[in-house]
C-alpha atoms as a PDB file:
ATOM      1  CA  MET A   1      25.629-135.571   3.128  1.00  0.00           C
ATOM      2  CA  GLU A   2      22.323-134.396   4.160  1.00  0.00           C
ATOM      3  CA  ILE A   3      21.291-131.934   1.891  1.00  0.00           C
ATOM      4  CA  ASN A   4      18.848-130.517   4.421  1.00  0.00           C
ATOM      5  CA  LYS A   5      21.780-129.456   6.209  1.00  0.00           C
ATOM      6  CA  ILE A   6      23.328-127.446   3.230  1.00  0.00           C
ATOM      7  CA  LEU A   7      20.290-126.128   1.525  1.00  0.00           C
ATOM      8  CA  ASP A   8      17.659-123.250   2.400  1.00  0.00           C
ATOM      9  CA  LYS A   9      14.469-125.155   3.397  1.00  0.00           C
ATOM     10  CA  ALA A  10      12.701-123.706   0.070  1.00  0.00           C
ATOM     11  CA  TYR A  11      15.352-125.789  -1.883  1.00  0.00           C
ATOM     12  CA  GLU A  12      15.291-128.957  -0.069  1.00  0.00           C
ATOM     13  CA  LYS A  13      12.823-131.097  -2.370  1.00  0.00           C
ATOM     14  CA  LYS A  14      14.330-129.674  -5.255  1.00  0.00           C
ATOM     15  CA  SER A  15      16.346-131.687  -8.213  1.00  0.00           C
ATOM     16  CA  PHE A  16      19.995-131.015  -8.221  1.00  0.00           C
ATOM     17  CA  LYS A  17      19.761-129.418 -11.582  1.00  0.00           C
ATOM     18  CA  GLU A  18      17.131-126.984 -10.080  1.00  0.00           C
ATOM     19  CA  VAL A  19      19.399-126.244  -7.260  1.00  0.00           C
ATOM     20  CA  ALA A  20      22.508-125.789  -9.581  1.00  0.00           C
ATOM     21  CA  ASP A  21      20.379-122.860 -11.245  1.00  0.00           C
ATOM     22  CA  ALA A  22      19.058-121.672  -8.173  1.00  0.00           C
ATOM     23  CA  PRO A  23      20.395-118.487  -6.597  1.00  0.00           C
ATOM     24  CA  VAL A  24      23.466-118.517  -4.310  1.00  0.00           C
ATOM     25  CA  SER A  25      21.299-117.720  -1.341  1.00  0.00           C
ATOM     26  CA  ALA A  26      19.729-121.372  -1.839  1.00  0.00           C
ATOM     27  CA  LEU A  27      22.745-122.557   0.233  1.00  0.00           C
ATOM     28  CA  GLN A  28      22.320-122.298   4.037  1.00  0.00           C
ATOM     29  CA  GLY A  29      24.588-119.449   5.518  1.00  0.00           C
ATOM     30  CA  VAL A  30      24.437-117.543   2.088  1.00  0.00           C
ATOM     31  CA  SER A  31      22.342-114.523   2.669  1.00  0.00           C
ATOM     32  CA  GLU A  32      20.668-112.159  -0.035  1.00  0.00           C
ATOM     33  CA  GLY A  33      23.178-109.494   1.163  1.00  0.00           C
ATOM     34  CA  ASP A  34      26.096-112.175   0.217  1.00  0.00           C
ATOM     35  CA  ALA A  35      24.437-113.056  -2.827  1.00  0.00           C
ATOM     36  CA  VAL A  36      24.641-109.316  -3.942  1.00  0.00           C
ATOM     37  CA  LYS A  37      28.325-109.292  -2.936  1.00  0.00           C
ATOM     38  CA  LEU A  38      29.016-112.231  -4.646  1.00  0.00           C
ATOM     39  CA  LYS A  39      27.350-110.898  -7.838  1.00  0.00           C
ATOM     40  CA  GLU A  40      29.103-107.472  -7.617  1.00  0.00           C
ATOM     41  CA  ALA A  41      32.544-109.016  -7.094  1.00  0.00           C
ATOM     42  CA  PHE A  42      32.610-112.071  -9.281  1.00  0.00           C
ATOM     43  CA  ASN A  43      29.229-112.031 -11.373  1.00  0.00           C
ATOM     44  CA  VAL A  44      28.160-115.043  -9.431  1.00  0.00           C
ATOM     45  CA  LYS A  45      24.514-115.498  -9.396  1.00  0.00           C
ATOM     46  CA  THR A  46      23.740-119.261  -9.233  1.00  0.00           C
ATOM     47  CA  VAL A  47      25.232-122.169  -7.335  1.00  0.00           C
ATOM     48  CA  LYS A  48      26.307-123.222 -10.450  1.00  0.00           C
ATOM     49  CA  ASP A  49      28.397-120.085 -11.047  1.00  0.00           C
ATOM     50  CA  LEU A  50      29.797-120.325  -7.655  1.00  0.00           C
ATOM     51  CA  ALA A  51      31.053-123.903  -8.264  1.00  0.00           C
ATOM     52  CA  ASN A  52      32.759-122.862 -11.509  1.00  0.00           C
ATOM     53  CA  LEU A  53      34.277-119.857 -10.110  1.00  0.00           C
ATOM     54  CA  LYS A  54      38.050-119.994 -10.797  1.00  0.00           C
ATOM     55  CA  TYR A  55      38.841-118.959  -7.676  1.00  0.00           C
ATOM     56  CA  VAL A  56      36.880-121.823  -5.919  1.00  0.00           C
ATOM     57  CA  ARG A  57      38.261-124.323  -8.411  1.00  0.00           C
ATOM     58  CA  TRP A  58      42.030-122.917  -7.589  1.00  0.00           C
ATOM     59  CA  ALA A  59      41.165-123.303  -3.645  1.00  0.00           C
ATOM     60  CA  GLN A  60      40.105-126.764  -4.248  1.00  0.00           C
ATOM     61  CA  ALA A  61      42.972-127.703  -6.390  1.00  0.00           C
ATOM     62  CA  ILE A  62      45.276-126.241  -3.961  1.00  0.00           C
ATOM     63  CA  THR A  63      43.986-127.966  -0.958  1.00  0.00           C
ATOM     64  CA  THR A  64      43.893-131.366  -2.553  1.00  0.00           C
ATOM     65  CA  LEU A  65      47.385-130.990  -3.536  1.00  0.00           C
ATOM     66  CA  ALA A  66      48.386-129.757  -0.115  1.00  0.00           C
ATOM     67  CA  GLU A  67      47.190-133.067   1.382  1.00  0.00           C
ATOM     68  CA  TYR A  68      50.207-134.673  -0.662  1.00  0.00           C
ATOM     69  CA  ASP A  69      52.846-132.080   0.113  1.00  0.00           C
END
């Protein structure tokens, strides 16, 4: 995985800990407007919050298990 392809330029040189604690807009393709909507809908403020969101975990589990269906 090339980190510069998934992070906003300002976060490319940051540690993974710093990125995990960064706002979701640190991810390429997630705008400030998207970040506001994620906060309003799911109280997601950071990359870590997004990764730990139960709906994301559910979707990951379902798609993983679907490979064995």
